Amino acid sequence: MAENVVLVRHGETEWSRDGRHTGRTDIPLTTDGRRQATALGGPLTAWQFGLVLSSPLQRALETCRLAGYGTKAQLRPELMEWDYGRYEGRTSPQIVAENPGWSLWRDGGPDGETPEDVGRRVDRVISEVRLVAGNVLIFAHGHVLRVLTARWLGEPPDGGRHYALQTATLSVLAYEHENPVIIRWNLPPVS
């Protein structure tokens, strides 16, 4: 059983900075995002990892590399960001202006994924992680990590709506008396 599962959301991109839904569009980190990713390396030295996983999208993989784990990372397509379909690249206010009442957590993206689709993907990662003896490090994206957290806790995928997650942050999932828990959430790499 994994001891700690350390989640890292990738550093800033132009689209994350601007609040645009960035699912499968493979865009790089900004200069600030690269600086943030490098800063993550220090706090991560507090752990030794038996397994390092990353989304194959360049913003997560570059964050992994700059934090010092690029040579150890195994790529998992299940960790790719939510497929927003036709809402890719758009902001939530733009979407709601055209589709009042829309919620990603209820409706998903048209021609993209539903919350349940993302939940099935992350369930496969969780099954793998729970078999690891030691700590696990995961580099991925905001919404997919929020769904992974909900599923870790035994909640439905849309439970991820309760876990806000900024770019270049660390979060830690673990167990307390065999119960899955969150022990740290949304922490920047430096205080």
Protein backbone atom coordinates (compact mmCIF):
# COMPACT_ATOMS: atom_id res chain seq x y z
CA MET A 1 0.00 0.00 0.00
CA ALA A 2 1.42 3.39 -0.99
CA GLU A 3 2.55 5.48 1.99
CA ASN A 4 2.10 8.96 0.50
CA VAL A 5 0.88 9.95 -2.94
CA VAL A 6 2.30 13.35 -3.78
CA LEU A 7 0.34 15.18 -6.46
CA VAL A 8 1.94 17.98 -8.47
CA ARG A 9 -0.07 20.21 -10.76
CA HIS A 10 2.07 21.50 -13.62
CA GLY A 11 3.45 25.05 -13.69
CA GLU A 12 1.73 27.99 -15.34
CA THR A 13 0.90 28.03 -19.04
CA GLU A 14 -0.56 30.93 -21.01
CA TRP A 15 -3.96 29.25 -20.96
CA SER A 16 -3.93 28.39 -17.25
CA ARG A 17 -2.93 31.98 -16.50
CA ASP A 18 -5.84 33.23 -18.63
CA GLY A 19 -8.40 30.78 -17.19
CA ARG A 20 -8.85 28.88 -20.46
CA HIS A 21 -9.79 25.20 -20.31
CA THR A 22 -6.66 23.36 -21.40
CA GLY A 23 -7.37 19.71 -21.95
CA ARG A 24 -5.55 17.98 -24.77
CA THR A 25 -3.99 21.09 -26.35
CA ASP A 26 -0.31 20.47 -25.73
CA ILE A 27 1.09 23.86 -24.80
CA PRO A 28 4.36 24.65 -22.99
CA LEU A 29 4.99 26.30 -19.66
CA THR A 30 5.48 30.05 -19.51
CA THR A 31 8.73 31.50 -18.17
CA ASP A 32 7.01 31.79 -14.77
CA GLY A 33 5.78 28.21 -15.13
CA ARG A 34 9.32 26.96 -15.70
CA ARG A 35 10.52 28.90 -12.64
CA GLN A 36 7.66 27.42 -10.58
CA ALA A 37 8.46 23.90 -11.78
CA THR A 38 12.12 24.26 -10.83
CA ALA A 39 11.10 25.52 -7.36
CA LEU A 40 9.07 22.32 -6.79
CA GLY A 41 12.28 20.26 -6.74
CA GLY A 42 13.31 21.44 -3.27
CA PRO A 43 10.19 20.45 -1.33
CA LEU A 44 10.01 17.11 -3.16
CA THR A 45 13.36 16.04 -1.69
CA ALA A 46 11.51 15.41 1.59
CA TRP A 47 10.40 12.06 0.14
CA GLN A 48 11.92 9.10 -1.64
CA PHE A 49 9.64 7.77 -4.35
CA GLY A 50 9.11 4.15 -5.34
CA LEU A 51 7.16 5.25 -8.43
CA VAL A 52 6.99 8.49 -10.41
CA LEU A 53 4.16 8.95 -12.92
CA SER A 54 3.44 11.76 -15.34
CA SER A 55 0.88 12.78 -17.90
CA PRO A 56 2.50 12.67 -21.35
CA LEU A 57 1.39 16.26 -22.10
CA GLN A 58 4.40 18.59 -22.25
CA ARG A 59 3.29 20.98 -19.49
CA ALA A 60 3.24 18.12 -16.96
CA LEU A 61 6.30 16.39 -18.35
CA GLU A 62 8.32 19.62 -18.41
CA THR A 63 7.29 20.32 -14.81
CA CYS A 64 8.44 16.80 -13.90
CA ARG A 65 11.77 17.29 -15.67
CA LEU A 66 12.45 20.74 -14.16
CA ALA A 67 11.59 19.44 -10.68
CA GLY A 68 14.28 16.78 -11.14
CA TYR A 69 12.25 13.63 -11.87
CA GLY A 70 12.26 13.44 -15.67
CA THR A 71 14.49 10.38 -15.88
CA LYS A 72 12.40 8.46 -13.31
CA ALA A 73 8.94 9.24 -14.68
CA GLN A 74 6.71 6.67 -16.33
CA LEU A 75 4.10 8.14 -18.66
CA ARG A 76 0.44 7.33 -18.13
CA PRO A 77 -2.12 8.52 -20.68
CA GLU A 78 -4.76 8.08 -17.95
CA LEU A 79 -3.25 11.20 -16.32
CA MET A 80 -3.94 13.46 -19.31
CA GLU A 81 -6.21 16.38 -18.55
CA TRP A 82 -9.98 16.19 -18.98
CA ASP A 83 -11.01 16.25 -22.64
CA TYR A 84 -13.15 19.40 -22.80
CA GLY A 85 -14.30 18.71 -26.36
CA ARG A 86 -15.74 21.81 -28.02
CA TYR A 87 -15.04 23.86 -24.88
CA GLU A 88 -11.27 23.43 -25.26
CA GLY A 89 -9.50 26.79 -25.03
CA ARG A 90 -12.55 28.65 -23.73
CA THR A 91 -13.07 30.23 -20.32
CA SER A 92 -15.92 29.26 -18.00
CA PRO A 93 -17.56 32.73 -18.33
CA GLN A 94 -17.54 32.38 -22.14
CA ILE A 95 -19.13 28.95 -21.90
CA VAL A 96 -21.78 30.01 -19.37
CA ALA A 97 -22.67 33.06 -21.51
CA GLU A 98 -23.61 30.68 -24.31
CA ASN A 99 -24.85 27.81 -22.12
CA PRO A 100 -26.29 29.21 -18.85
CA GLY A 101 -26.14 26.79 -15.96
CA TRP A 102 -23.32 24.73 -17.47
CA SER A 103 -21.07 22.89 -15.00
CA LEU A 104 -18.06 20.86 -16.01
CA TRP A 105 -18.66 18.68 -12.96
CA ARG A 106 -22.19 17.78 -14.06
CA ASP A 107 -22.16 18.20 -17.84
CA GLY A 108 -18.58 17.57 -18.96
CA GLY A 109 -17.51 18.94 -22.33
CA PRO A 110 -19.55 18.47 -25.52
CA ASP A 111 -17.79 15.92 -27.73
CA GLY A 112 -15.36 15.43 -24.84
CA GLU A 113 -15.42 13.55 -21.55
CA THR A 114 -17.94 13.29 -18.74
CA PRO A 115 -16.90 13.23 -15.08
CA GLU A 116 -17.49 9.48 -15.11
CA ASP A 117 -15.13 9.04 -18.08
CA VAL A 118 -12.35 10.82 -16.20
CA GLY A 119 -13.18 8.83 -13.06
CA ARG A 120 -12.70 5.54 -14.90
CA ARG A 121 -9.27 6.68 -16.13
CA VAL A 122 -8.01 7.73 -12.71
CA ASP A 123 -9.40 4.60 -11.05
CA ARG A 124 -6.84 2.62 -13.10
CA VAL A 125 -4.03 4.86 -11.79
CA ILE A 126 -5.27 4.54 -8.21
CA SER A 127 -5.35 0.74 -8.51
CA GLU A 128 -1.72 0.77 -9.65
CA VAL A 129 -0.61 3.26 -6.98
CA ARG A 130 -2.20 1.33 -4.13
CA LEU A 131 0.05 -1.65 -4.93
CA VAL A 132 3.28 0.35 -4.54
CA ALA A 133 5.32 -0.07 -1.37
CA GLY A 134 6.56 3.41 -0.53
CA ASN A 135 5.76 6.88 -1.82
CA VAL A 136 4.40 7.78 -5.24
CA LEU A 137 4.83 11.06 -7.12
CA ILE A 138 2.34 12.13 -9.81
CA PHE A 139 2.69 15.08 -12.22
CA ALA A 140 -0.53 16.00 -13.97
CA HIS A 141 -3.26 18.62 -14.42
CA GLY A 142 -5.79 20.46 -12.30
CA HIS A 143 -9.09 18.79 -13.12
CA VAL A 144 -7.76 15.25 -13.51
CA LEU A 145 -5.96 15.52 -10.15
CA ARG A 146 -9.14 16.81 -8.53
CA VAL A 147 -11.06 13.79 -9.86
CA LEU A 148 -8.24 11.48 -8.75
CA THR A 149 -8.49 12.95 -5.25
CA ALA A 150 -12.25 12.45 -5.11
CA ARG A 151 -11.88 8.84 -6.24
CA TRP A 152 -9.00 8.28 -3.75
CA LEU A 153 -11.43 9.30 -1.01
CA GLY A 154 -14.18 7.03 -2.37
CA GLU A 155 -16.28 9.93 -3.68
CA PRO A 156 -17.92 10.09 -7.10
CA PRO A 157 -15.83 11.84 -9.80
CA ASP A 158 -17.83 15.07 -9.51
CA GLY A 159 -16.63 15.34 -5.91
CA GLY A 160 -13.51 16.90 -7.42
CA ARG A 161 -15.43 20.17 -7.60
CA HIS A 162 -14.63 20.65 -3.90
CA TYR A 163 -10.83 20.59 -4.31
CA ALA A 164 -9.53 23.81 -5.87
CA LEU A 165 -6.01 23.36 -7.19
CA GLN A 166 -3.62 26.07 -8.38
CA THR A 167 -0.71 25.62 -10.79
CA ALA A 168 2.66 24.46 -9.43
CA THR A 169 1.29 23.18 -6.15
CA LEU A 170 1.89 20.09 -4.04
CA SER A 171 -0.82 17.99 -2.44
CA VAL A 172 -0.45 14.76 -0.49
CA LEU A 173 -2.85 11.84 -0.24
CA ALA A 174 -2.22 9.09 2.28
CA TYR A 175 -3.93 6.78 4.75
CA GLU A 176 -4.95 7.28 8.35
CA HIS A 177 -5.84 4.00 10.05
CA GLU A 178 -6.30 2.47 6.58
CA ASN A 179 -8.74 5.25 5.56
CA PRO A 180 -7.74 7.27 2.49
CA VAL A 181 -7.20 10.92 3.46
CA ILE A 182 -5.80 14.24 2.27
CA ILE A 183 -2.93 15.30 4.51
CA ARG A 184 -1.78 18.39 2.54
CA TRP A 185 -3.52 20.34 -0.18
CA ASN A 186 -2.69 23.00 -2.77
CA LEU A 187 0.61 24.07 -1.20
CA PRO A 188 2.94 26.33 -3.18
CA PRO A 189 6.55 25.11 -3.42
CA VAL A 190 7.83 27.99 -1.26
CA SER A 191 6.14 29.89 1.52
